[in-house]
Amino acid sequence: QVQLVESGGGLVQSGGSLRLSCAASGFTLEDRTVGWFRQAPGKEREGVSCVSSNDDSTFYADSVKGRFSISRDNAENTVYLQMNSLKLEDTAVYYCATPRRTGSALLYFPYEYDYWGQGTQVTVSS
């Protein structure tokens, strides 16, 4: 069974850090692009970051550039999102996603992804 499971969310003060994990089962992430998205209440889901299958390319939304970092551990079949200097506006449910097809292209939009995790809540307090 194909499954993505996010973890690592929680409540953190402004300026703090969290590391989100996206663990896959039933397939390998190594040969797929993986993206992180977030959705705040009343807002559309937005792309935060993604990494190509060969790790040659990464994307960060302007709002998180310089604060977030995406990485892989292929041995663990897991992708991470390190989030530093968190701000109130980072509060959202964070989702990881990957497409059904393999390949190395960066993918920026939710419709380009087929498999999604259940999401993990990140709440930043003042």
Protein backbone atom coordinates (compact mmCIF):
# COMPACT_ATOMS: atom_id res chain seq x y z
CA GLN A 1 0.00 0.00 0.00
CA VAL A 2 1.35 3.39 -1.04
CA GLN A 3 1.49 5.73 1.90
CA LEU A 4 3.11 9.00 2.97
CA VAL A 5 3.19 9.88 6.64
CA GLU A 6 4.20 13.29 7.95
CA SER A 7 5.41 13.89 11.48
CA GLY A 8 7.24 16.50 13.49
CA GLY A 9 4.65 19.20 13.69
CA GLY A 10 3.71 20.91 16.91
CA LEU A 11 3.49 24.15 18.81
CA VAL A 12 6.55 26.38 18.76
CA GLN A 13 7.27 29.97 19.69
CA SER A 14 8.06 32.55 17.07
CA GLY A 15 11.72 32.28 16.13
CA GLY A 16 11.87 28.59 16.97
CA SER A 17 12.54 25.57 14.80
CA LEU A 18 10.86 22.34 13.80
CA ARG A 19 11.85 19.50 11.51
CA LEU A 20 9.09 17.80 9.60
CA SER A 21 9.50 14.28 8.27
CA CYS A 22 7.76 12.62 5.34
CA ALA A 23 8.17 8.86 5.43
CA ALA A 24 7.08 6.71 2.51
CA SER A 25 6.00 3.09 2.39
CA GLY A 26 5.00 0.94 -0.54
CA PHE A 27 7.26 2.78 -2.95
CA THR A 28 10.58 4.59 -3.00
CA LEU A 29 10.97 8.36 -2.84
CA GLU A 30 14.50 8.27 -4.18
CA ASP A 31 13.48 8.45 -7.82
CA ARG A 32 10.63 10.93 -7.38
CA THR A 33 10.25 14.63 -6.83
CA VAL A 34 8.89 15.36 -3.36
CA GLY A 35 7.09 18.53 -2.40
CA TRP A 36 5.97 20.18 0.80
CA PHE A 37 2.76 22.20 0.83
CA ARG A 38 0.86 24.01 3.55
CA GLN A 39 -2.67 25.15 4.07
CA ALA A 40 -3.80 27.69 6.61
CA PRO A 41 -7.47 28.07 7.61
CA GLY A 42 -9.43 29.84 4.91
CA LYS A 43 -6.52 29.83 2.48
CA GLU A 44 -5.57 27.77 -0.52
CA ARG A 45 -2.91 25.11 -0.35
CA GLU A 46 0.43 26.62 -1.29
CA GLY A 47 3.74 25.16 -2.31
CA VAL A 48 6.50 25.60 0.25
CA SER A 49 9.39 23.60 -1.12
CA CYS A 50 10.27 20.71 -3.37
CA VAL A 51 13.32 18.65 -4.25
CA SER A 52 14.07 16.83 -7.47
CA SER A 53 14.73 13.10 -7.49
CA ASN A 54 18.45 13.54 -8.05
CA ASP A 55 18.76 16.32 -5.46
CA ASP A 56 20.16 18.61 -8.12
CA SER A 57 17.33 21.07 -7.85
CA THR A 58 15.30 22.55 -5.05
CA PHE A 59 12.56 25.13 -4.87
CA TYR A 60 11.55 27.37 -1.99
CA ALA A 61 8.66 29.78 -1.86
CA ASP A 62 9.80 33.36 -1.35
CA SER A 63 8.09 33.41 2.03
CA VAL A 64 10.36 30.65 3.40
CA LYS A 65 13.56 31.16 1.46
CA GLY A 66 16.56 31.34 3.75
CA ARG A 67 14.62 29.84 6.66
CA PHE A 68 13.50 26.40 5.42
CA SER A 69 15.62 23.60 4.02
CA ILE A 70 14.52 20.41 2.29
CA SER A 71 16.60 17.24 2.33
CA ARG A 72 16.41 13.50 1.77
CA ASP A 73 17.55 10.37 3.53
CA ASN A 74 17.20 7.70 0.88
CA ALA A 75 18.21 4.93 3.25
CA GLU A 76 15.24 5.87 5.42
CA ASN A 77 12.98 6.61 2.42
CA THR A 78 12.23 9.92 4.07
CA VAL A 79 12.26 13.58 3.10
CA TYR A 80 12.68 16.31 5.69
CA LEU A 81 11.73 19.95 5.94
CA GLN A 82 13.87 21.85 8.41
CA MET A 83 12.08 25.01 9.45
CA ASN A 84 14.02 27.71 11.27
CA SER A 85 13.14 31.23 12.40
CA LEU A 86 9.48 30.33 12.36
CA LYS A 87 6.96 33.13 12.08
CA LEU A 88 3.31 33.41 13.04
CA GLU A 89 2.37 33.27 9.38
CA ASP A 90 3.97 29.82 9.05
CA THR A 91 1.08 28.38 11.05
CA ALA A 92 -0.67 25.81 8.85
CA VAL A 93 -1.18 22.14 8.20
CA TYR A 94 1.87 20.90 6.30
CA TYR A 95 1.59 18.14 3.71
CA CYS A 96 4.16 16.21 1.75
CA ALA A 97 3.38 14.86 -1.68
CA THR A 98 4.95 12.97 -4.54
CA PRO A 99 3.84 12.11 -8.07
CA ARG A 100 3.01 8.65 -9.32
CA ARG A 101 5.59 8.94 -12.08
CA THR A 102 9.30 8.93 -11.48
CA GLY A 103 11.44 11.78 -12.74
CA SER A 104 13.57 14.71 -11.73
CA ALA A 105 11.53 17.75 -12.67
CA LEU A 106 10.58 20.22 -9.99
CA LEU A 107 6.81 20.34 -9.55
CA TYR A 108 5.18 23.45 -8.15
CA PHE A 109 1.43 22.89 -8.09
CA PRO A 110 -0.80 20.52 -6.09
CA TYR A 111 -2.39 19.06 -9.24
CA GLU A 112 1.01 17.73 -10.31
CA TYR A 113 1.13 15.40 -7.31
CA ASP A 114 -0.71 12.11 -6.87
CA TYR A 115 0.16 10.86 -3.39
CA TRP A 116 -0.38 12.95 -0.29
CA GLY A 117 0.18 12.47 3.38
CA GLN A 118 -2.45 13.21 6.01
CA GLY A 119 -0.77 16.43 7.11
CA THR A 120 0.86 17.62 10.31
CA GLN A 121 -0.15 20.76 12.18
CA VAL A 122 2.42 23.48 12.76
CA THR A 123 1.38 26.26 15.11
CA VAL A 124 3.66 29.22 15.78
CA SER A 125 2.83 31.33 18.80
CA SER A 126 4.02 34.79 19.78
